[in-house]
Protein backbone atom coordinates (compact mmCIF):
# COMPACT_ATOMS: atom_id res chain seq x y z
CA MET A 1 32.87 -11.77 -32.69
CA PRO A 2 31.51 -10.31 -29.42
CA THR A 3 30.67 -12.48 -26.52
CA SER A 4 27.54 -14.19 -25.72
CA ILE A 5 25.99 -13.89 -22.96
CA ALA A 6 23.22 -16.23 -21.04
CA SER A 7 19.86 -15.05 -20.93
CA ILE A 8 16.66 -17.15 -18.82
CA SER A 9 12.83 -17.37 -18.67
CA GLY A 10 11.07 -17.79 -15.92
CA ALA A 11 6.95 -18.44 -15.71
CA PRO A 12 4.18 -17.78 -18.58
CA HIS A 13 2.05 -15.57 -15.97
CA ALA A 14 2.06 -14.68 -12.62
CA ARG A 15 -0.22 -14.62 -9.71
CA VAL A 16 -1.44 -13.68 -6.12
CA LEU A 17 -0.55 -17.13 -3.64
CA GLY A 18 -1.38 -15.58 -0.58
CA VAL A 19 -2.73 -12.15 0.94
CA GLY A 20 -1.88 -11.75 4.75
CA ALA A 21 -2.47 -9.30 7.10
CA TYR A 22 -1.49 -7.11 10.69
CA ARG A 23 -3.36 -4.84 12.39
CA PRO A 24 -2.30 -2.80 15.12
CA THR A 25 -4.34 -3.91 18.48
CA ARG A 26 -4.84 -0.18 19.72
CA LEU A 27 -8.48 0.75 18.02
CA VAL A 28 -8.64 4.35 18.32
CA PRO A 29 -11.77 6.45 17.65
CA ASN A 30 -12.58 9.69 16.43
CA SER A 31 -12.88 10.78 20.69
CA ASP A 32 -9.31 10.14 20.85
CA VAL A 33 -8.18 12.68 18.20
CA VAL A 34 -10.96 15.49 18.26
CA ASP A 35 -9.56 17.19 21.25
CA ALA A 36 -6.25 18.04 19.67
CA ILE A 37 -7.52 19.18 16.66
CA ASP A 38 -10.67 21.18 17.27
CA SER A 39 -12.90 18.88 15.52
CA SER A 40 -15.38 17.01 15.93
CA ASP A 41 -16.66 12.73 15.54
CA GLU A 42 -19.44 14.51 13.53
CA TRP A 43 -17.03 16.14 11.03
CA ILE A 44 -14.48 13.55 11.13
CA GLN A 45 -17.12 11.28 9.44
CA GLN A 46 -17.67 13.43 6.86
CA ARG A 47 -14.96 14.46 5.23
CA SER A 48 -13.21 10.90 5.55
CA GLY A 49 -15.64 8.76 6.69
CA ILE A 50 -13.22 7.34 9.01
CA LYS A 51 -14.58 5.95 13.05
CA SER A 52 -11.58 4.82 14.79
CA ARG A 53 -8.32 3.79 12.67
CA ARG A 54 -5.50 1.97 14.21
CA TRP A 55 -2.48 2.99 16.09
CA ALA A 56 1.11 1.16 16.64
CA GLY A 57 2.01 0.46 19.59
CA PRO A 58 5.85 0.46 21.17
CA GLU A 59 6.03 -3.16 20.11
CA GLU A 60 4.64 -3.10 17.18
CA SER A 61 7.33 -1.73 14.79
CA VAL A 62 7.88 -1.89 11.15
CA GLN A 63 9.59 -5.10 11.08
CA MET A 64 7.50 -6.99 13.82
CA MET A 65 3.99 -5.84 11.71
CA SER A 66 5.67 -7.15 8.27
CA VAL A 67 6.76 -9.92 10.16
CA ALA A 68 2.94 -10.72 11.06
CA ALA A 69 1.44 -10.50 7.90
CA SER A 70 4.30 -11.99 6.11
CA ARG A 71 3.57 -15.27 7.93
CA VAL A 72 0.16 -15.21 7.18
CA ALA A 73 0.55 -14.75 3.42
CA LEU A 74 3.62 -17.78 3.28
CA GLU A 75 1.12 -19.84 5.29
CA ARG A 76 -1.60 -19.09 3.07
CA ALA A 77 0.24 -19.30 0.38
CA GLY A 78 1.53 -23.20 0.61
CA LEU A 79 5.26 -21.41 1.53
CA ASP A 80 7.79 -21.46 3.80
CA GLY A 81 10.05 -18.12 3.95
CA SER A 82 13.56 -20.21 2.75
CA GLN A 83 11.16 -20.40 -0.27
CA ILE A 84 11.30 -16.67 -1.48
CA ASP A 85 13.91 -15.30 -3.34
CA CYS A 86 13.13 -11.50 -3.06
CA VAL A 87 11.34 -9.66 -0.61
CA VAL A 88 10.21 -6.14 -1.52
CA VAL A 89 8.92 -3.47 1.12
CA ALA A 90 6.72 -0.21 0.29
CA THR A 91 7.62 2.38 3.18
CA VAL A 92 7.59 5.39 3.55
CA SER A 93 8.12 5.21 7.67
CA HIS A 94 11.00 2.98 8.28
CA LEU A 95 12.64 5.84 10.17
CA LEU A 96 16.75 4.68 8.56
CA GLN A 97 17.50 6.03 5.05
CA THR A 98 19.80 2.87 5.47
CA PRO A 99 19.93 0.04 5.86
CA ALA A 100 16.19 -1.30 3.98
CA VAL A 101 14.47 -2.91 6.25
CA ALA A 102 13.33 -5.13 3.93
CA THR A 103 16.86 -7.08 4.68
CA ALA A 104 16.17 -7.12 8.27
CA ILE A 105 13.17 -9.08 7.60
CA ALA A 106 14.62 -11.28 5.73
CA HIS A 107 16.55 -12.91 7.80
CA GLU A 108 13.91 -13.20 10.08
CA LEU A 109 11.54 -14.94 7.79
CA GLY A 110 14.89 -17.96 7.68
CA THR A 111 15.67 -15.95 4.35
CA ASP A 112 18.82 -14.60 2.76
CA ALA A 113 16.47 -13.66 -0.93
CA ALA A 114 17.59 -10.49 -2.72
CA ALA A 115 15.57 -7.47 -0.13
CA PHE A 116 15.00 -4.43 -0.92
CA ASP A 117 12.83 -1.44 0.15
CA ILE A 118 10.73 1.24 -2.27
CA SER A 119 9.72 4.52 -1.72
CA ALA A 120 5.97 5.05 -3.59
CA ALA A 121 4.55 6.33 -0.99
CA CYS A 122 0.91 5.05 -1.09
CA SER A 123 1.06 3.50 -3.98
CA GLY A 124 4.04 1.42 -3.50
CA PHE A 125 2.19 -1.72 -2.46
CA CYS A 126 1.36 -1.86 -6.49
CA HIS A 127 4.70 -0.77 -7.88
CA GLY A 128 5.90 -3.73 -5.91
CA MET A 129 3.48 -6.06 -7.22
CA ALA A 130 3.90 -4.94 -10.51
CA MET A 131 7.91 -5.55 -10.11
CA ALA A 132 7.16 -9.10 -8.32
CA ALA A 133 5.42 -10.01 -11.07
CA ASP A 134 7.65 -8.87 -14.16
CA PHE A 135 10.65 -10.71 -11.29
CA VAL A 136 8.47 -13.86 -12.04
CA ARG A 137 7.91 -13.57 -15.71
CA ALA A 138 11.82 -13.26 -16.47
CA GLY A 139 12.57 -15.76 -14.43
CA SER A 140 14.78 -12.97 -11.92
CA ALA A 141 12.68 -14.95 -8.77
CA ARG A 142 10.45 -17.41 -8.29
CA HIS A 143 8.50 -16.37 -5.05
CA VAL A 144 8.62 -12.75 -4.56
CA LEU A 145 6.72 -11.73 -0.97
CA VAL A 146 5.77 -7.90 -1.09
CA ILE A 147 5.01 -6.14 1.57
CA GLY A 148 3.07 -2.47 2.16
CA VAL A 149 3.82 -1.46 5.64
CA GLU A 150 3.68 1.79 7.85
CA ARG A 151 4.00 2.93 11.50
CA LEU A 152 2.90 7.06 10.54
CA THR A 153 2.20 7.86 13.89
CA ASP A 154 5.88 8.12 13.77
CA ILE A 155 5.76 11.16 11.51
CA LEU A 156 2.82 12.07 12.60
CA ASP A 157 1.84 16.08 13.33
CA LEU A 158 -1.46 14.88 16.34
CA THR A 159 -2.47 18.35 16.22
CA ASP A 160 -2.71 19.27 12.86
CA ARG A 161 -6.11 19.62 11.59
CA GLY A 162 -5.17 18.15 7.93
CA THR A 163 -3.74 14.52 8.74
CA ALA A 164 -3.81 13.65 12.55
CA PHE A 165 -7.22 12.37 11.86
CA ILE A 166 -6.25 9.79 8.87
CA PHE A 167 -3.30 8.37 9.07
CA ALA A 168 -2.78 5.16 10.78
CA ASP A 169 -0.64 1.81 11.08
CA GLY A 170 -0.18 -2.03 10.01
CA ALA A 171 1.19 -3.75 7.01
CA GLY A 172 -0.35 -6.11 4.35
CA ALA A 173 1.57 -9.16 2.27
CA ALA A 174 1.53 -11.26 -0.54
CA VAL A 175 3.11 -13.89 -2.30
CA VAL A 176 3.40 -13.48 -5.82
CA GLY A 177 4.43 -16.50 -7.92
CA PRO A 178 4.25 -18.12 -11.07
CA SER A 179 0.86 -19.11 -12.80
CA ASP A 180 0.73 -20.97 -16.12
CA THR A 181 -2.88 -18.95 -16.66
CA PRO A 182 -2.31 -15.03 -16.58
CA GLY A 183 -2.91 -14.03 -12.90
CA ILE A 184 -1.99 -10.18 -12.46
CA GLY A 185 -2.19 -7.32 -15.40
CA PRO A 186 -0.10 -5.27 -16.58
CA VAL A 187 0.96 -2.23 -15.09
CA VAL A 188 -0.71 1.44 -15.66
CA TRP A 189 1.65 3.56 -13.47
CA GLY A 190 2.66 7.08 -13.09
CA SER A 191 3.76 10.61 -11.66
CA ASP A 192 2.31 13.85 -12.01
CA GLY A 193 5.58 15.92 -10.47
CA GLU A 194 3.81 18.82 -10.77
CA GLN A 195 1.99 18.38 -7.90
CA PHE A 196 4.50 17.31 -6.23
CA ASP A 197 4.12 19.33 -3.01
CA LEU A 198 0.23 18.35 -2.46
CA ILE A 199 1.58 15.61 0.47
CA ARG A 200 4.52 15.76 1.65
CA GLN A 201 6.73 15.52 4.82
CA ARG A 202 7.10 19.12 6.08
CA GLU A 203 10.76 19.59 7.46
CA ASP A 204 13.57 18.73 5.62
CA TRP A 205 15.71 16.31 7.84
CA ARG A 206 19.10 18.89 7.82
CA ASP A 207 16.80 20.81 8.82
CA VAL A 208 15.92 18.63 12.15
CA VAL A 209 19.71 17.72 12.06
CA GLY A 210 21.12 20.69 12.43
CA THR A 211 25.36 21.53 12.13
CA PRO A 212 27.75 20.76 14.67
CA GLU A 213 27.33 24.25 15.58
CA ALA A 214 23.64 24.64 15.75
CA PRO A 215 22.38 20.78 17.31
CA GLY A 216 18.52 19.18 15.77
CA SER A 217 15.78 20.26 17.31
CA GLY A 218 15.05 16.98 17.59
CA VAL A 219 11.52 17.63 16.14
CA MET A 220 10.82 14.80 13.83
CA PRO A 221 9.82 15.65 10.50
CA HIS A 222 5.99 15.35 10.07
CA LEU A 223 3.46 15.00 6.83
CA THR A 224 1.64 17.86 5.91
CA MET A 225 -1.38 17.39 2.82
CA GLN A 226 -3.00 20.12 1.36
CA GLY A 227 -6.31 17.89 1.00
CA ASN A 228 -8.44 19.78 -1.12
CA SER A 229 -6.35 19.53 -3.72
CA VAL A 230 -5.56 15.70 -3.47
CA PHE A 231 -9.53 15.31 -3.59
CA ARG A 232 -9.88 17.15 -6.67
CA TRP A 233 -6.87 15.26 -8.72
CA ALA A 234 -7.37 12.00 -7.07
CA SER A 235 -11.43 11.25 -7.00
CA PHE A 236 -11.61 11.73 -11.47
CA ALA A 237 -7.45 11.30 -12.59
CA MET A 238 -8.04 8.00 -10.84
CA ALA A 239 -10.70 6.68 -12.51
CA LYS A 240 -8.67 7.40 -15.31
CA ILE A 241 -5.85 5.06 -14.30
CA GLY A 242 -8.17 2.57 -13.19
CA THR A 243 -10.36 2.24 -16.58
CA GLN A 244 -6.98 2.22 -18.15
CA ALA A 245 -5.54 -0.89 -16.34
CA LEU A 246 -9.39 -2.75 -16.94
CA ASP A 247 -8.21 -1.97 -20.88
CA ARG A 248 -4.64 -3.60 -20.74
CA ALA A 249 -6.42 -6.70 -18.81
CA GLY A 250 -8.80 -7.01 -20.86
CA ILE A 251 -11.46 -6.99 -18.23
CA THR A 252 -15.21 -5.81 -18.54
CA LEU A 253 -17.14 -3.81 -16.12
CA ASP A 254 -19.25 -6.71 -16.41
CA GLU A 255 -15.92 -8.93 -15.03
CA LEU A 256 -14.89 -7.49 -12.41
CA ASP A 257 -16.15 -8.42 -9.07
CA VAL A 258 -13.68 -6.25 -6.95
CA PHE A 259 -12.64 -3.16 -6.59
CA VAL A 260 -10.28 -1.99 -3.71
CA PRO A 261 -9.08 1.24 -4.25
CA HIS A 262 -6.30 2.81 -1.80
CA GLN A 263 -8.45 3.65 1.77
CA ALA A 264 -7.74 7.31 1.46
CA ASN A 265 -11.12 8.84 1.92
CA MET A 266 -14.14 7.51 1.66
CA ARG A 267 -15.44 10.14 -0.36
CA ILE A 268 -12.73 9.90 -3.29
CA ILE A 269 -13.49 5.68 -3.31
CA ASP A 270 -17.14 6.86 -4.07
CA ALA A 271 -16.12 9.86 -6.51
CA MET A 272 -14.36 7.02 -8.16
CA ALA A 273 -17.07 4.34 -8.16
CA ARG A 274 -19.42 7.08 -9.95
CA SER A 275 -16.50 8.19 -12.37
CA MET A 276 -15.81 4.13 -13.34
CA LYS A 277 -19.69 3.41 -13.77
CA LEU A 278 -18.56 0.45 -11.95
CA PRO A 279 -22.23 -1.88 -11.89
CA PRO A 280 -23.93 -2.61 -8.59
CA HIS A 281 -22.46 -6.34 -8.79
CA VAL A 282 -19.09 -4.84 -8.32
CA ARG A 283 -17.98 -4.90 -4.36
CA ILE A 284 -15.90 -2.36 -3.13
CA ALA A 285 -13.26 -1.99 -0.55
CA ARG A 286 -14.28 0.48 2.20
CA ASP A 287 -11.54 -0.31 5.13
CA ILE A 288 -11.25 2.83 6.38
CA ALA A 289 -14.26 3.10 8.19
CA GLU A 290 -11.87 1.10 11.07
CA GLN A 291 -8.47 1.59 9.59
CA GLY A 292 -7.42 4.66 8.66
CA ASN A 293 -5.53 5.87 5.86
CA SER A 294 -2.18 2.98 6.58
CA SER A 295 -0.18 4.29 2.85
CA ALA A 296 1.18 2.21 1.20
CA ALA A 297 -0.57 -1.15 4.03
CA SER A 298 -3.51 -0.07 2.60
CA VAL A 299 -4.03 -2.02 0.07
CA PRO A 300 -3.94 -5.09 1.17
CA LEU A 301 -4.65 -4.55 4.29
CA ALA A 302 -8.01 -3.92 2.48
CA LEU A 303 -8.26 -6.72 0.17
CA ASP A 304 -7.80 -9.18 3.28
CA ARG A 305 -10.59 -7.88 5.09
CA MET A 306 -12.70 -8.42 1.50
CA ILE A 307 -11.36 -11.84 1.81
CA ALA A 308 -12.02 -12.22 5.32
CA ASP A 309 -15.56 -11.09 5.13
CA GLY A 310 -16.75 -13.32 2.23
CA GLU A 311 -15.98 -10.15 0.00
CA ALA A 312 -13.32 -11.60 -2.00
CA ARG A 313 -13.54 -14.53 -2.95
CA SER A 314 -10.80 -17.01 -4.69
CA GLY A 315 -10.58 -16.64 -8.41
CA ASP A 316 -12.11 -13.37 -8.16
CA THR A 317 -10.95 -10.56 -10.49
CA ALA A 318 -9.98 -6.81 -8.82
CA LEU A 319 -9.06 -4.38 -9.58
CA LEU A 320 -6.09 -2.80 -7.32
CA ILE A 321 -5.39 0.73 -7.80
CA ALA A 322 -2.94 3.74 -5.22
CA PHE A 323 -2.00 7.01 -5.80
CA GLY A 324 -0.08 8.92 -2.89
CA ALA A 325 2.27 11.47 -2.69
CA GLY A 326 4.22 12.50 -5.71
CA LEU A 327 2.06 12.29 -7.14
CA SER A 328 2.71 9.10 -8.24
CA TYR A 329 0.15 6.28 -9.25
CA ALA A 330 -0.56 2.44 -9.97
CA ALA A 331 -3.52 -0.21 -10.42
CA GLN A 332 -4.11 -3.54 -12.38
CA VAL A 333 -6.33 -6.37 -12.12
CA ILE A 334 -5.28 -9.53 -10.38
CA THR A 335 -7.06 -12.71 -9.09
CA VAL A 336 -8.05 -12.90 -6.04
CA PRO A 337 -5.90 -15.95 -4.45
């Protein structure tokens, strides 16, 4: 007779208990970046909707920003770090391949929880939210801390006209925990690997590091993006994903209160809203205007700002959707904490 392996079960449902954010202190207006890319403030605003962006200073590391955002989220959730059972960090700009920065963050927060990084670019936070909800419901963890963090200025070519004005730094965090009622809807996620090269690291690490016979150049790998192709793909393909996420959650457009898309480009946000036929009452995150595109940190930063500004209220129904390099995407409906 086969040996019986015990199983466990978790909470009936999961929800977001608290959200926090950290924005670097340096605010960089368009006027500070235009000369290096032979551009203008008008051109940047017309192309992206960005007026300024946040860039981290030397002391504002991936770990430091993550811990700061997490402490706010934990306080709002009414928890301390020792009550976290798992830490999931979404990032592409922690520059150590190993170990994961999540372990250092967990230690600084006072927990020896399971901790690991995930790499899904701009959609990383929404991937982490899906995992956290599943962990809570399965019983693998009671409280999960999900962090989206980037310090993209470390891998940004400030002379690249296609990326230098877009990307930014920052961190956002959410605590996911048990609930008696559904607070995080089913995820709709996937990838379009046929378009793998549209957003990518320009140089291979091997090209940078070199060999013992040919030492590395000392040049950092940089981000590169085929902006027009990404715009066409995201503006219309992601509207379908958003609609699918609403359908899977059993939420109609009339029941939706808040739309929090990845803050990639204001024109993409507007195109998605039109394609989804969002009603006028739905409040839309437009954090990109002052923050820039902070990749995995984009969605939690935008949600935190909407909460702070009173545009997203406790109990509201919100659609989160993100997309990025790979091309990867993920979307889910949540109840605002």
